[in-house]
Amino acid sequence: IRYTMTSMNVPEPVMSLAVQPVSKDSGGQFSKALNRFQKEDPTF
Protein backbone atom coordinates (compact mmCIF):
# COMPACT_ATOMS: atom_id res chain seq x y z
CA ILE A 1 0.00 0.00 0.00
CA ARG A 2 1.05 3.62 -0.45
CA TYR A 3 -0.24 5.21 2.75
CA THR A 4 1.29 8.26 4.40
CA MET A 5 0.48 9.74 7.81
CA THR A 6 -0.17 13.47 8.13
CA SER A 7 2.88 15.49 9.09
CA MET A 8 3.41 17.27 12.41
CA ASN A 9 3.47 21.03 12.94
CA VAL A 10 7.02 22.46 12.87
CA PRO A 11 7.34 26.06 14.15
CA GLU A 12 9.65 28.48 12.34
CA PRO A 13 12.97 29.40 14.05
CA VAL A 14 13.07 32.89 15.59
CA MET A 15 16.77 33.42 16.34
CA SER A 16 20.09 32.93 14.57
CA LEU A 17 23.79 32.78 15.51
CA ALA A 18 26.92 32.86 13.39
CA VAL A 19 29.23 29.96 14.37
CA GLN A 20 32.58 28.78 13.09
CA PRO A 21 35.18 26.31 14.34
CA VAL A 22 38.26 27.81 16.01
CA SER A 23 40.56 25.35 14.25
CA LYS A 24 40.34 24.85 10.47
CA ASP A 25 41.35 21.20 10.98
CA SER A 26 38.07 20.50 12.80
CA GLY A 27 35.89 21.65 9.87
CA GLY A 28 34.91 18.06 8.99
CA GLN A 29 33.69 17.23 12.50
CA PHE A 30 31.94 20.61 12.69
CA SER A 31 29.97 19.89 9.48
CA LYS A 32 29.19 16.38 10.68
CA ALA A 33 27.75 17.74 13.94
CA LEU A 34 25.58 20.33 12.18
CA ASN A 35 24.26 17.78 9.68
CA ARG A 36 23.37 15.38 12.48
CA PHE A 37 21.59 17.99 14.63
CA GLN A 38 19.68 19.35 11.63
CA LYS A 39 18.43 15.86 10.82
CA GLU A 40 17.41 15.16 14.43
CA ASP A 41 15.68 18.48 15.13
CA PRO A 42 13.41 20.05 12.47
CA THR A 43 13.47 23.42 14.31
CA PHE A 44 17.28 23.61 14.11
Full PDB file with SEQRES, HELIX, SHEET, SSBOND, CRYST1, ORIGX, SCALE, CONECT and MASTER records, all heavy atoms in Angstrom:
SEQRES   1 A   44  ILE ARG TYR THR MET THR SER MET ASN VAL PRO GLU PRO          
SEQRES   2 A   44  VAL MET SER LEU ALA VAL GLN PRO VAL SER LYS ASP SER          
SEQRES   3 A   44  GLY GLY GLN PHE SER LYS ALA LEU ASN ARG PHE GLN LYS          
SEQRES   4 A   44  GLU ASP PRO THR PHE                                          
HELIX    1 AA1 LYS A   24  SER A   26  5                                   3    
HELIX    2 AA2 GLY A   27  GLU A   40  1                                  14    
CRYST1    1.000    1.000    1.000  90.00  90.00  90.00 P 1           1          
ORIGX1      1.000000  0.000000  0.000000        0.00000                         
ORIGX2      0.000000  1.000000  0.000000        0.00000                         
ORIGX3      0.000000  0.000000  1.000000        0.00000                         
SCALE1      1.000000  0.000000  0.000000        0.00000                         
SCALE2      0.000000  1.000000  0.000000        0.00000                         
SCALE3      0.000000  0.000000  1.000000        0.00000                         
ATOM      1  N   ILE A   1       0.849  -1.193   0.000  1.00  0.00           N  
ATOM      2  CA  ILE A   1       0.000   0.000   0.000  1.00  0.00           C  
ATOM      3  C   ILE A   1       0.883   1.242   0.000  1.00  0.00           C  
ATOM      4  O   ILE A   1       2.050   1.172   0.377  1.00  0.00           O  
ATOM      5  CB  ILE A   1      -0.919   0.041   1.257  1.00  0.00           C  
ATOM      6  CG1 ILE A   1      -0.114  -0.273   2.532  1.00  0.00           C  
ATOM      7  CG2 ILE A   1      -2.110  -0.872   1.105  1.00  0.00           C  
ATOM      8  CD1 ILE A   1      -0.892  -0.153   3.807  1.00  0.00           C  
ATOM      9  N   ARG A   2       0.305   2.361  -0.437  1.00  0.00           N  
ATOM     10  CA  ARG A   2       1.051   3.623  -0.451  1.00  0.00           C  
ATOM     11  C   ARG A   2       0.336   4.622   0.455  1.00  0.00           C  
ATOM     12  O   ARG A   2      -0.249   5.594   0.002  1.00  0.00           O  
ATOM     13  CB  ARG A   2       1.191   4.162  -1.877  1.00  0.00           C  
ATOM     14  CG  ARG A   2       2.088   3.314  -2.760  1.00  0.00           C  
ATOM     15  CD  ARG A   2       2.397   3.990  -4.088  1.00  0.00           C  
ATOM     16  NE  ARG A   2       3.130   5.228  -3.892  1.00  0.00           N  
ATOM     17  CZ  ARG A   2       2.723   6.412  -4.330  1.00  0.00           C  
ATOM     18  NH1 ARG A   2       1.573   6.535  -4.963  1.00  0.00           N  
ATOM     19  NH2 ARG A   2       3.448   7.507  -4.128  1.00  0.00           N  
ATOM     20  N   TYR A   3       0.387   4.335   1.760  1.00  0.00           N  
ATOM     21  CA  TYR A   3      -0.244   5.214   2.747  1.00  0.00           C  
ATOM     22  C   TYR A   3       0.808   6.132   3.354  1.00  0.00           C  
ATOM     23  O   TYR A   3       1.943   5.707   3.593  1.00  0.00           O  
ATOM     24  CB  TYR A   3      -0.870   4.414   3.890  1.00  0.00           C  
ATOM     25  CG  TYR A   3      -2.104   3.615   3.534  1.00  0.00           C  
ATOM     26  CD1 TYR A   3      -2.710   2.791   4.476  1.00  0.00           C  
ATOM     27  CD2 TYR A   3      -2.677   3.685   2.258  1.00  0.00           C  
ATOM     28  CE1 TYR A   3      -3.850   2.047   4.167  1.00  0.00           C  
ATOM     29  CE2 TYR A   3      -3.807   2.951   1.945  1.00  0.00           C  
ATOM     30  CZ  TYR A   3      -4.388   2.132   2.906  1.00  0.00           C  
ATOM     31  OH  TYR A   3      -5.505   1.407   2.594  1.00  0.00           O  
ATOM     32  N   THR A   4       0.421   7.374   3.623  1.00  0.00           N  
ATOM     33  CA  THR A   4       1.294   8.265   4.402  1.00  0.00           C  
ATOM     34  C   THR A   4       0.469   8.843   5.548  1.00  0.00           C  
ATOM     35  O   THR A   4      -0.739   9.046   5.416  1.00  0.00           O  
ATOM     36  CB  THR A   4       1.856   9.430   3.558  1.00  0.00           C  
ATOM     37  OG1 THR A   4       0.772  10.170   3.002  1.00  0.00           O  
ATOM     38  CG2 THR A   4       2.767   8.928   2.456  1.00  0.00           C  
ATOM     39  N   MET A   5       1.136   9.095   6.671  1.00  0.00           N  
ATOM     40  CA  MET A   5       0.477   9.742   7.806  1.00  0.00           C  
ATOM     41  C   MET A   5       0.631  11.248   7.648  1.00  0.00           C  
ATOM     42  O   MET A   5       1.573  11.717   7.014  1.00  0.00           O  
ATOM     43  CB  MET A   5       1.119   9.290   9.121  1.00  0.00           C  
ATOM     44  CG  MET A   5       1.138   7.782   9.324  1.00  0.00           C  
ATOM     45  SD  MET A   5      -0.489   7.016   9.362  1.00  0.00           S  
ATOM     46  CE  MET A   5      -1.126   7.667  10.897  1.00  0.00           C  
ATOM     47  N   THR A   6      -0.290  12.013   8.210  1.00  0.00           N  
ATOM     48  CA  THR A   6      -0.171  13.472   8.126  1.00  0.00           C  
ATOM     49  C   THR A   6       1.039  13.939   8.919  1.00  0.00           C  
ATOM     50  O   THR A   6       1.408  13.336   9.924  1.00  0.00           O  
ATOM     51  CB  THR A   6      -1.435  14.151   8.680  1.00  0.00           C  
ATOM     52  OG1 THR A   6      -1.694  13.613   9.973  1.00  0.00           O  
ATOM     53  CG2 THR A   6      -2.616  13.911   7.772  1.00  0.00           C  
ATOM     54  N   SER A   7       1.650  15.013   8.447  1.00  0.00           N  
ATOM     55  CA  SER A   7       2.880  15.493   9.091  1.00  0.00           C  
ATOM     56  C   SER A   7       2.560  16.266  10.363  1.00  0.00           C  
ATOM     57  O   SER A   7       1.421  16.633  10.611  1.00  0.00           O  
ATOM     58  CB  SER A   7       3.665  16.380   8.128  1.00  0.00           C  
ATOM     59  OG  SER A   7       2.872  17.486   7.779  1.00  0.00           O  
ATOM     60  N   MET A   8       3.596  16.516  11.167  1.00  0.00           N  
ATOM     61  CA  MET A   8       3.414  17.271  12.407  1.00  0.00           C  
ATOM     62  C   MET A   8       3.723  18.754  12.165  1.00  0.00           C  
ATOM     63  O   MET A   8       4.381  19.111  11.186  1.00  0.00           O  
ATOM     64  CB  MET A   8       4.303  16.703  13.507  1.00  0.00           C  
ATOM     65  CG  MET A   8       5.777  16.836  13.283  1.00  0.00           C  
ATOM     66  SD  MET A   8       6.707  15.686  14.302  1.00  0.00           S  
ATOM     67  CE  MET A   8       6.616  14.183  13.326  1.00  0.00           C  
ATOM     68  N   ASN A   9       3.249  19.587  13.042  1.00  0.00           N  
ATOM     69  CA  ASN A   9       3.465  21.030  12.936  1.00  0.00           C  
ATOM     70  C   ASN A   9       4.882  21.381  13.384  1.00  0.00           C  
ATOM     71  O   ASN A   9       5.288  21.031  14.484  1.00  0.00           O  
ATOM     72  CB  ASN A   9       2.442  21.754  13.824  1.00  0.00           C  
ATOM     73  CG  ASN A   9       2.601  23.249  13.767  1.00  0.00           C  
ATOM     74  OD1 ASN A   9       2.437  23.860  12.719  1.00  0.00           O  
ATOM     75  ND2 ASN A   9       2.932  23.858  14.892  1.00  0.00           N  
ATOM     76  N   VAL A  10       5.643  22.059  12.523  1.00  0.00           N  
ATOM     77  CA  VAL A  10       7.016  22.461  12.871  1.00  0.00           C  
ATOM     78  C   VAL A  10       7.085  23.982  12.896  1.00  0.00           C  
ATOM     79  O   VAL A  10       6.936  24.637  11.860  1.00  0.00           O  
ATOM     80  CB  VAL A  10       8.049  21.902  11.868  1.00  0.00           C  
ATOM     81  CG1 VAL A  10       9.457  22.363  12.232  1.00  0.00           C  
ATOM     82  CG2 VAL A  10       7.988  20.389  11.811  1.00  0.00           C  
ATOM     83  N   PRO A  11       7.277  24.590  14.083  1.00  0.00           N  
ATOM     84  CA  PRO A  11       7.340  26.059  14.149  1.00  0.00           C  
ATOM     85  C   PRO A  11       8.599  26.601  13.483  1.00  0.00           C  
ATOM     86  O   PRO A  11       9.622  25.908  13.404  1.00  0.00           O  
ATOM     87  CB  PRO A  11       7.350  26.340  15.659  1.00  0.00           C  
ATOM     88  CG  PRO A  11       7.766  25.070  16.316  1.00  0.00           C  
ATOM     89  CD  PRO A  11       7.422  23.948  15.387  1.00  0.00           C  
ATOM     90  N   GLU A  12       8.507  27.826  12.994  1.00  0.00           N  
ATOM     91  CA  GLU A  12       9.645  28.480  12.340  1.00  0.00           C  
ATOM     92  C   GLU A  12      10.643  28.984  13.386  1.00  0.00           C  
ATOM     93  O   GLU A  12      10.244  29.493  14.432  1.00  0.00           O  
ATOM     94  CB  GLU A  12       9.161  29.659  11.502  1.00  0.00           C  
ATOM     95  CG  GLU A  12       8.485  29.269  10.206  1.00  0.00           C  
ATOM     96  CD  GLU A  12       9.421  28.577   9.233  1.00  0.00           C  
ATOM     97  OE1 GLU A  12      10.530  29.094   8.994  1.00  0.00           O  
ATOM     98  OE2 GLU A  12       9.052  27.516   8.715  1.00  0.00           O  
ATOM     99  N   PRO A  13      11.961  28.867  13.119  1.00  0.00           N  
ATOM    100  CA  PRO A  13      12.967  29.405  14.051  1.00  0.00           C  
ATOM    101  C   PRO A  13      12.844  30.923  14.183  1.00  0.00           C  
ATOM    102  O   PRO A  13      12.417  31.592  13.247  1.00  0.00           O  
ATOM    103  CB  PRO A  13      14.307  29.037  13.394  1.00  0.00           C  
ATOM    104  CG  PRO A  13      13.989  27.994  12.383  1.00  0.00           C  
ATOM    105  CD  PRO A  13      12.578  28.228  11.953  1.00  0.00           C  
ATOM    106  N   VAL A  14      13.206  31.445  15.358  1.00  0.00           N  
ATOM    107  CA  VAL A  14      13.073  32.890  15.594  1.00  0.00           C  
ATOM    108  C   VAL A  14      14.416  33.578  15.851  1.00  0.00           C  
ATOM    109  O   VAL A  14      14.469  34.798  15.929  1.00  0.00           O  
ATOM    110  CB  VAL A  14      12.128  33.172  16.788  1.00  0.00           C  
ATOM    111  CG1 VAL A  14      10.721  32.733  16.480  1.00  0.00           C  
ATOM    112  CG2 VAL A  14      12.625  32.534  18.075  1.00  0.00           C  
ATOM    113  N   MET A  15      15.484  32.806  15.993  1.00  0.00           N  
ATOM    114  CA  MET A  15      16.767  33.418  16.343  1.00  0.00           C  
ATOM    115  C   MET A  15      17.910  32.724  15.601  1.00  0.00           C  
ATOM    116  O   MET A  15      17.839  31.529  15.320  1.00  0.00           O  
ATOM    117  CB  MET A  15      16.985  33.299  17.851  1.00  0.00           C  
ATOM    118  CG  MET A  15      18.199  34.061  18.346  1.00  0.00           C  
ATOM    119  SD  MET A  15      18.421  33.847  20.110  1.00  0.00           S  
ATOM    120  CE  MET A  15      17.051  34.778  20.715  1.00  0.00           C  
ATOM    121  N   SER A  16      18.943  33.483  15.289  1.00  0.00           N  
ATOM    122  CA  SER A  16      20.095  32.931  14.568  1.00  0.00           C  
ATOM    123  C   SER A  16      21.405  33.343  15.243  1.00  0.00           C  
ATOM    124  O   SER A  16      21.470  34.372  15.922  1.00  0.00           O  
ATOM    125  CB  SER A  16      20.108  33.420  13.122  1.00  0.00           C  
ATOM    126  OG  SER A  16      18.952  33.013  12.451  1.00  0.00           O  
ATOM    127  N   LEU A  17      22.429  32.504  15.028  1.00  0.00           N  
ATOM    128  CA  LEU A  17      23.785  32.784  15.508  1.00  0.00           C  
ATOM    129  C   LEU A  17      24.768  32.446  14.395  1.00  0.00           C  
ATOM    130  O   LEU A  17      24.553  31.487  13.644  1.00  0.00           O  
ATOM    131  CB  LEU A  17      24.132  31.892  16.700  1.00  0.00           C  
ATOM    132  CG  LEU A  17      23.550  32.162  18.087  1.00  0.00           C  
ATOM    133  CD1 LEU A  17      24.026  31.063  19.031  1.00  0.00           C  
ATOM    134  CD2 LEU A  17      24.004  33.503  18.616  1.00  0.00           C  
ATOM    135  N   ALA A  18      25.825  33.221  14.305  1.00  0.00           N  
ATOM    136  CA  ALA A  18      26.918  32.857  13.393  1.00  0.00           C  
ATOM    137  C   ALA A  18      27.914  32.014  14.186  1.00  0.00           C  
ATOM    138  O   ALA A  18      28.341  32.405  15.274  1.00  0.00           O  
ATOM    139  CB  ALA A  18      27.597  34.112  12.859  1.00  0.00           C  
ATOM    140  N   VAL A  19      28.263  30.829  13.675  1.00  0.00           N  
ATOM    141  CA  VAL A  19      29.227  29.959  14.367  1.00  0.00           C  
ATOM    142  C   VAL A  19      30.309  29.508  13.392  1.00  0.00           C  
ATOM    143  O   VAL A  19      30.041  29.316  12.210  1.00  0.00           O  
ATOM    144  CB  VAL A  19      28.551  28.698  14.987  1.00  0.00           C  
ATOM    145  CG1 VAL A  19      27.681  29.055  16.152  1.00  0.00           C  
ATOM    146  CG2 VAL A  19      27.767  27.919  13.964  1.00  0.00           C  
ATOM    147  N   GLN A  20      31.512  29.341  13.916  1.00  0.00           N  
ATOM    148  CA  GLN A  20      32.579  28.778  13.092  1.00  0.00           C  
ATOM    149  C   GLN A  20      33.605  28.102  13.995  1.00  0.00           C  
ATOM    150  O   GLN A  20      33.815  28.536  15.138  1.00  0.00           O  
ATOM    151  CB  GLN A  20      33.241  29.847  12.230  1.00  0.00           C  
ATOM    152  CG  GLN A  20      33.900  30.985  13.007  1.00  0.00           C  
ATOM    153  CD  GLN A  20      34.426  32.046  12.069  1.00  0.00           C  
ATOM    154  OE1 GLN A  20      33.674  32.605  11.276  1.00  0.00           O  
ATOM    155  NE2 GLN A  20      35.717  32.329  12.166  1.00  0.00           N  
ATOM    156  N   PRO A  21      34.198  27.010  13.510  1.00  0.00           N  
ATOM    157  CA  PRO A  21      35.182  26.309  14.342  1.00  0.00           C  
ATOM    158  C   PRO A  21      36.437  27.148  14.526  1.00  0.00           C  
ATOM    159  O   PRO A  21      36.855  27.878  13.620  1.00  0.00           O  
ATOM    160  CB  PRO A  21      35.471  25.025  13.539  1.00  0.00           C  
ATOM    161  CG  PRO A  21      35.082  25.334  12.137  1.00  0.00           C  
ATOM    162  CD  PRO A  21      34.021  26.380  12.195  1.00  0.00           C  
ATOM    163  N   VAL A  22      37.030  27.056  15.726  1.00  0.00           N  
ATOM    164  CA  VAL A  22      38.259  27.807  16.012  1.00  0.00           C  
ATOM    165  C   VAL A  22      39.394  27.295  15.140  1.00  0.00           C  
ATOM    166  O   VAL A  22      40.158  28.060  14.561  1.00  0.00           O  
ATOM    167  CB  VAL A  22      38.616  27.681  17.521  1.00  0.00           C  
ATOM    168  CG1 VAL A  22      39.963  28.317  17.810  1.00  0.00           C  
ATOM    169  CG2 VAL A  22      37.523  28.316  18.372  1.00  0.00           C  
ATOM    170  N   SER A  23      39.485  25.968  15.038  1.00  0.00           N  
ATOM    171  CA  SER A  23      40.560  25.352  14.245  1.00  0.00           C  
ATOM    172  C   SER A  23      40.025  24.926  12.883  1.00  0.00           C  
ATOM    173  O   SER A  23      38.950  24.321  12.785  1.00  0.00           O  
ATOM    174  CB  SER A  23      41.109  24.129  14.996  1.00  0.00           C  
ATOM    175  OG  SER A  23      41.871  23.330  14.140  1.00  0.00           O  
ATOM    176  N   LYS A  24      40.757  25.242  11.824  1.00  0.00           N  
ATOM    177  CA  LYS A  24      40.338  24.847  10.471  1.00  0.00           C  
ATOM    178  C   LYS A  24      40.373  23.327  10.295  1.00  0.00           C  
ATOM    179  O   LYS A  24      39.649  22.763   9.483  1.00  0.00           O  
ATOM    180  CB  LYS A  24      41.244  25.505   9.428  1.00  0.00           C  
ATOM    181  CG  LYS A  24      40.997  27.011   9.304  1.00  0.00           C  
ATOM    182  CD  LYS A  24      41.825  27.625   8.199  1.00  0.00           C  
ATOM    183  CE  LYS A  24      41.541  29.125   8.085  1.00  0.00           C  
ATOM    184  NZ  LYS A  24      42.364  29.770   7.057  1.00  0.00           N  
ATOM    185  N   ASP A  25      41.226  22.664  11.086  1.00  0.00           N  
ATOM    186  CA  ASP A  25      41.348  21.200  10.976  1.00  0.00           C  
ATOM    187  C   ASP A  25      40.077  20.479  11.436  1.00  0.00           C  
ATOM    188  O   ASP A  25      39.853  19.324  11.089  1.00  0.00           O  
ATOM    189  CB  ASP A  25      42.529  20.697  11.829  1.00  0.00           C  
ATOM    190  CG  ASP A  25      43.854  21.267  11.341  1.00  0.00           C  
ATOM    191  OD1 ASP A  25      43.901  21.665  10.158  1.00  0.00           O  
ATOM    192  OD2 ASP A  25      44.813  21.318  12.132  1.00  0.00           O  
ATOM    193  N   SER A  26      39.273  21.160  12.257  1.00  0.00           N  
ATOM    194  CA  SER A  26      38.074  20.498  12.797  1.00  0.00           C  
ATOM    195  C   SER A  26      36.833  20.778  11.955  1.00  0.00           C  
ATOM    196  O   SER A  26      35.708  20.510  12.388  1.00  0.00           O  
ATOM    197  CB  SER A  26      37.837  20.931  14.242  1.00  0.00           C  
ATOM    198  OG  SER A  26      37.787  22.340  14.326  1.00  0.00           O  
ATOM    199  N   GLY A  27      37.020  21.317  10.744  1.00  0.00           N  
ATOM    200  CA  GLY A  27      35.889  21.647   9.870  1.00  0.00           C  
ATOM    201  C   GLY A  27      35.027  20.447   9.537  1.00  0.00           C  
ATOM    202  O   GLY A  27      33.802  20.553   9.468  1.00  0.00           O  
ATOM    203  N   GLY A  28      35.653  19.285   9.337  1.00  0.00           N  
ATOM    204  CA  GLY A  28      34.906  18.060   8.994  1.00  0.00           C  
ATOM    205  C   GLY A  28      33.972  17.633  10.111  1.00  0.00           C  
ATOM    206  O   GLY A  28      32.793  17.339   9.878  1.00  0.00           O  
ATOM    207  N   GLN A  29      34.507  17.612  11.346  1.00  0.00           N  
ATOM    208  CA  GLN A  29      33.695  17.232  12.503  1.00  0.00           C  
ATOM    209  C   GLN A  29      32.585  18.251  12.752  1.00  0.00           C  
ATOM    210  O   GLN A  29      31.473  17.903  13.141  1.00  0.00           O  
ATOM    211  CB  GLN A  29      34.572  17.119  13.765  1.00  0.00           C  
ATOM    212  CG  GLN A  29      35.412  15.850  13.827  1.00  0.00           C  
ATOM    213  CD  GLN A  29      34.548  14.622  14.022  1.00  0.00           C  
ATOM    214  OE1 GLN A  29      34.133  13.988  13.063  1.00  0.00           O  
ATOM    215  NE2 GLN A  29      34.272  14.283  15.269  1.00  0.00           N  
ATOM    216  N   PHE A  30      32.917  19.531  12.518  1.00  0.00           N  
ATOM    217  CA  PHE A  30      31.942  20.610  12.692  1.00  0.00           C  
ATOM    218  C   PHE A  30      30.749  20.417  11.748  1.00  0.00           C  
ATOM    219  O   PHE A  30      29.589  20.483  12.166  1.00  0.00           O  
ATOM    220  CB  PHE A  30      32.640  21.953  12.428  1.00  0.00           C  
ATOM    221  CG  PHE A  30      31.764  23.158  12.580  1.00  0.00           C  
ATOM    222  CD1 PHE A  30      31.308  23.555  13.831  1.00  0.00           C  
ATOM    223  CD2 PHE A  30      31.405  23.921  11.473  1.00  0.00           C  
ATOM    224  CE1 PHE A  30      30.500  24.680  13.978  1.00  0.00           C  
ATOM    225  CE2 PHE A  30      30.604  25.047  11.610  1.00  0.00           C  
ATOM    226  CZ  PHE A  30      30.153  25.425  12.866  1.00  0.00           C  
ATOM    227  N   SER A  31      31.039  20.124  10.472  1.00  0.00           N  
ATOM    228  CA  SER A  31      29.971  19.895   9.482  1.00  0.00           C  
ATOM    229  C   SER A  31      29.162  18.657   9.835  1.00  0.00           C  
ATOM    230  O   SER A  31      27.933  18.642   9.696  1.00  0.00           O  
ATOM    231  CB  SER A  31      30.572  19.724   8.085  1.00  0.00           C  
ATOM    232  OG  SER A  31      31.254  20.881   7.712  1.00  0.00           O  
ATOM    233  N   LYS A  32      29.859  17.624  10.299  1.00  0.00           N  
ATOM    234  CA  LYS A  32      29.189  16.376  10.678  1.00  0.00           C  
ATOM    235  C   LYS A  32      28.193  16.623  11.815  1.00  0.00           C  
ATOM    236  O   LYS A  32      27.060  16.123  11.797  1.00  0.00           O  
ATOM    237  CB  LYS A  32      30.252  15.354  11.112  1.00  0.00           C  
ATOM    238  CG  LYS A  32      29.744  13.934  11.263  1.00  0.00           C  
ATOM    239  CD  LYS A  32      30.907  13.004  11.606  1.00  0.00           C  
ATOM    240  CE  LYS A  32      30.400  11.605  11.925  1.00  0.00           C  
ATOM    241  NZ  LYS A  32      31.506  10.721  12.354  1.00  0.00           N  
ATOM    242  N   ALA A  33      28.618  17.429  12.801  1.00  0.00           N  
ATOM    243  CA  ALA A  33      27.750  17.742  13.944  1.00  0.00           C  
ATOM    244  C   ALA A  33      26.508  18.501  13.484  1.00  0.00           C  
ATOM    245  O   ALA A  33      25.382  18.166  13.863  1.00  0.00           O  
ATOM    246  CB  ALA A  33      28.523  18.561  14.977  1.00  0.00           C  
ATOM    247  N   LEU A  34      26.717  19.525  12.639  1.00  0.00           N  
ATOM    248  CA  LEU A  34      25.580  20.334  12.184  1.00  0.00           C  
ATOM    249  C   LEU A  34      24.603  19.511  11.357  1.00  0.00           C  
ATOM    250  O   LEU A  34      23.383  19.654  11.486  1.00  0.00           O  
ATOM    251  CB  LEU A  34      26.070  21.540  11.379  1.00  0.00           C  
ATOM    252  CG  LEU A  34      26.875  22.593  12.146  1.00  0.00           C  
ATOM    253  CD1 LEU A  34      27.254  23.745  11.229  1.00  0.00           C  
ATOM    254  CD2 LEU A  34      26.088  23.132  13.336  1.00  0.00           C  
ATOM    255  N   ASN A  35      25.132  18.634  10.501  1.00  0.00           N  
ATOM    256  CA  ASN A  35      24.257  17.779   9.680  1.00  0.00           C  
ATOM    257  C   ASN A  35      23.424  16.855  10.556  1.00  0.00           C  
ATOM    258  O   ASN A  35      22.237  16.649  10.318  1.00  0.00           O  
ATOM    259  CB  ASN A  35      25.087  16.941   8.696  1.00  0.00           C  
ATOM    260  CG  ASN A  35      25.651  17.789   7.577  1.00  0.00           C  
ATOM    261  OD1 ASN A  35      25.099  18.844   7.264  1.00  0.00           O  
ATOM    262  ND2 ASN A  35      26.738  17.350   6.966  1.00  0.00           N  
ATOM    263  N   ARG A  36      24.075  16.296  11.574  1.00  0.00           N  
ATOM    264  CA  ARG A  36      23.365  15.381  12.480  1.00  0.00           C  
ATOM    265  C   ARG A  36      22.256  16.108  13.231  1.00  0.00           C  
ATOM    266  O   ARG A  36      21.118  15.651  13.280  1.00  0.00           O  
ATOM    267  CB  ARG A  36      24.348  14.767  13.473  1.00  0.00           C  
ATOM    268  CG  ARG A  36      23.651  13.994  14.587  1.00  0.00           C  
ATOM    269  CD  ARG A  36      24.571  13.720  15.751  1.00  0.00           C  
ATOM    270  NE  ARG A  36      23.811  13.402  16.940  1.00  0.00           N  
ATOM    271  CZ  ARG A  36      24.348  13.171  18.122  1.00  0.00           C  
ATOM    272  NH1 ARG A  36      25.648  13.242  18.270  1.00  0.00           N  
ATOM    273  NH2 ARG A  36      23.596  12.891  19.165  1.00  0.00           N  
ATOM    274  N   PHE A  37      22.576  17.270  13.822  1.00  0.00           N  
ATOM    275  CA  PHE A  37      21.591  17.991  14.629  1.00  0.00           C  
ATOM    276  C   PHE A  37      20.421  18.478  13.778  1.00  0.00           C  
ATOM    277  O   PHE A  37      19.275  18.498  14.218  1.00  0.00           O  
ATOM    278  CB  PHE A  37      22.238  19.170  15.354  1.00  0.00           C  
ATOM    279  CG  PHE A  37      23.289  18.768  16.351  1.00  0.00           C  
ATOM    280  CD1 PHE A  37      24.406  19.560  16.583  1.00  0.00           C  
ATOM    281  CD2 PHE A  37      23.172  17.573  17.061  1.00  0.00           C  
ATOM    282  CE1 PHE A  37      25.372  19.186  17.506  1.00  0.00           C  
ATOM    283  CE2 PHE A  37      24.134  17.193  17.988  1.00  0.00           C  
ATOM    284  CZ  PHE A  37      25.247  17.994  18.211  1.00  0.00           C  
ATOM    285  N   GLN A  38      20.727  18.874  12.529  1.00  0.00           N  
ATOM    286  CA  GLN A  38      19.682  19.354  11.635  1.00  0.00           C  
ATOM    287  C   GLN A  38      18.719  18.222  11.272  1.00  0.00           C  
ATOM    288  O   GLN A  38      17.508  18.434  11.155  1.00  0.00           O  
ATOM    289  CB  GLN A  38      20.322  19.927  10.368  1.00  0.00           C  
ATOM    290  CG  GLN A  38      19.398  20.807   9.578  1.00  0.00           C  
ATOM    291  CD  GLN A  38      20.106  21.500   8.426  1.00  0.00           C  
ATOM    292  OE1 GLN A  38      19.615  22.469   7.914  1.00  0.00           O  
ATOM    293  NE2 GLN A  38      21.245  21.006   8.007  1.00  0.00           N  
ATOM    294  N   LYS A  39      19.263  17.025  11.158  1.00  0.00           N  
ATOM    295  CA  LYS A  39      18.431  15.864  10.820  1.00  0.00           C  
ATOM    296  C   LYS A  39      17.565  15.451  12.008  1.00  0.00           C  
ATOM    297  O   LYS A  39      16.412  15.062  11.859  1.00  0.00           O  
ATOM    298  CB  LYS A  39      19.342  14.702  10.399  1.00  0.00           C  
ATOM    299  CG  LYS A  39      18.651  13.677   9.521  1.00  0.00           C  
ATOM    300  CD  LYS A  39      19.665  12.708   8.954  1.00  0.00           C  
ATOM    301  CE  LYS A  39      18.997  11.763   7.967  1.00  0.00           C  
ATOM    302  NZ  LYS A  39      19.926  10.775   7.437  1.00  0.00           N  
ATOM    303  N   GLU A  40      18.123  15.561  13.210  1.00  0.00           N  
ATOM    304  CA  GLU A  40      17.409  15.158  14.425  1.00  0.00           C  
ATOM    305  C   GLU A  40      16.304  16.141  14.803  1.00  0.00           C  
ATOM    306  O   GLU A  40      15.242  15.748  15.273  1.00  0.00           O  
ATOM    307  CB  GLU A  40      18.388  15.073  15.606  1.00  0.00           C  
ATOM    308  CG  GLU A  40      19.271  13.863  15.601  1.00  0.00           C  
ATOM    309  CD  GLU A  40      20.185  13.819  16.834  1.00  0.00           C  
ATOM    310  OE1 GLU A  40      20.060  14.675  17.730  1.00  0.00           O  
ATOM    311  OE2 GLU A  40      21.011  12.917  16.890  1.00  0.00           O  
ATOM    312  N   ASP A  41      16.577  17.441  14.612  1.00  0.00           N  
ATOM    313  CA  ASP A  41      15.679  18.477  15.128  1.00  0.00           C  
ATOM    314  C   ASP A  41      15.188  19.371  13.988  1.00  0.00           C  
ATOM    315  O   ASP A  41      15.937  20.183  13.463  1.00  0.00           O  
ATOM    316  CB  ASP A  41      16.444  19.320  16.162  1.00  0.00           C  
ATOM    317  CG  ASP A  41      15.583  20.388  16.822  1.00  0.00           C  
ATOM    318  OD1 ASP A  41      14.445  20.603  16.356  1.00  0.00           O  
ATOM    319  OD2 ASP A  41      16.041  21.010  17.794  1.00  0.00           O  
ATOM    320  N   PRO A  42      13.917  19.246  13.594  1.00  0.00           N  
ATOM    321  CA  PRO A  42      13.412  20.050  12.468  1.00  0.00           C  
ATOM    322  C   PRO A  42      13.394  21.556  12.739  1.00  0.00           C  
ATOM    323  O   PRO A  42      13.325  22.344  11.803  1.00  0.00           O  
ATOM    324  CB  PRO A  42      11.976  19.536  12.281  1.00  0.00           C  
ATOM    325  CG  PRO A  42      11.921  18.220  12.986  1.00  0.00           C  
ATOM    326  CD  PRO A  42      12.906  18.310  14.101  1.00  0.00           C  
ATOM    327  N   THR A  43      13.470  21.982  14.023  1.00  0.00           N  
ATOM    328  CA  THR A  43      13.471  23.425  14.314  1.00  0.00           C  
ATOM    329  C   THR A  43      14.883  24.003  14.316  1.00  0.00           C  
ATOM    330  O   THR A  43      15.055  25.206  14.478  1.00  0.00           O  
ATOM    331  CB  THR A  43      12.812  23.732  15.673  1.00  0.00           C  
ATOM    332  OG1 THR A  43      13.516  23.026  16.703  1.00  0.00           O  
ATOM    333  CG2 THR A  43      11.353  23.326  15.695  1.00  0.00           C  
ATOM    334  N   PHE A  44      15.887  23.150  14.160  1.00  0.00           N  
ATOM    335  CA  PHE A  44      17.280  23.610  14.108  1.00  0.00           C  
ATOM    336  C   PHE A  44      17.685  23.680  12.639  1.00  0.00           C  
ATOM    337  O   PHE A  44      17.688  22.663  11.937  1.00  0.00           O  
ATOM    338  CB  PHE A  44      18.177  22.638  14.879  1.00  0.00           C  
ATOM    339  CG  PHE A  44      19.644  23.002  14.858  1.00  0.00           C  
ATOM    340  CD1 PHE A  44      20.116  24.065  15.599  1.00  0.00           C  
ATOM    341  CD2 PHE A  44      20.548  22.280  14.087  1.00  0.00           C  
ATOM    342  CE1 PHE A  44      21.461  24.403  15.591  1.00  0.00           C  
ATOM    343  CE2 PHE A  44      21.895  22.609  14.068  1.00  0.00           C  
ATOM    344  CZ  PHE A  44      22.348  23.674  14.819  1.00  0.00           C  
TER     345      PHE A  44                                                      
MASTER        0    0    0    2    0    0    0    6  344    1    0    4          
END                                                                             
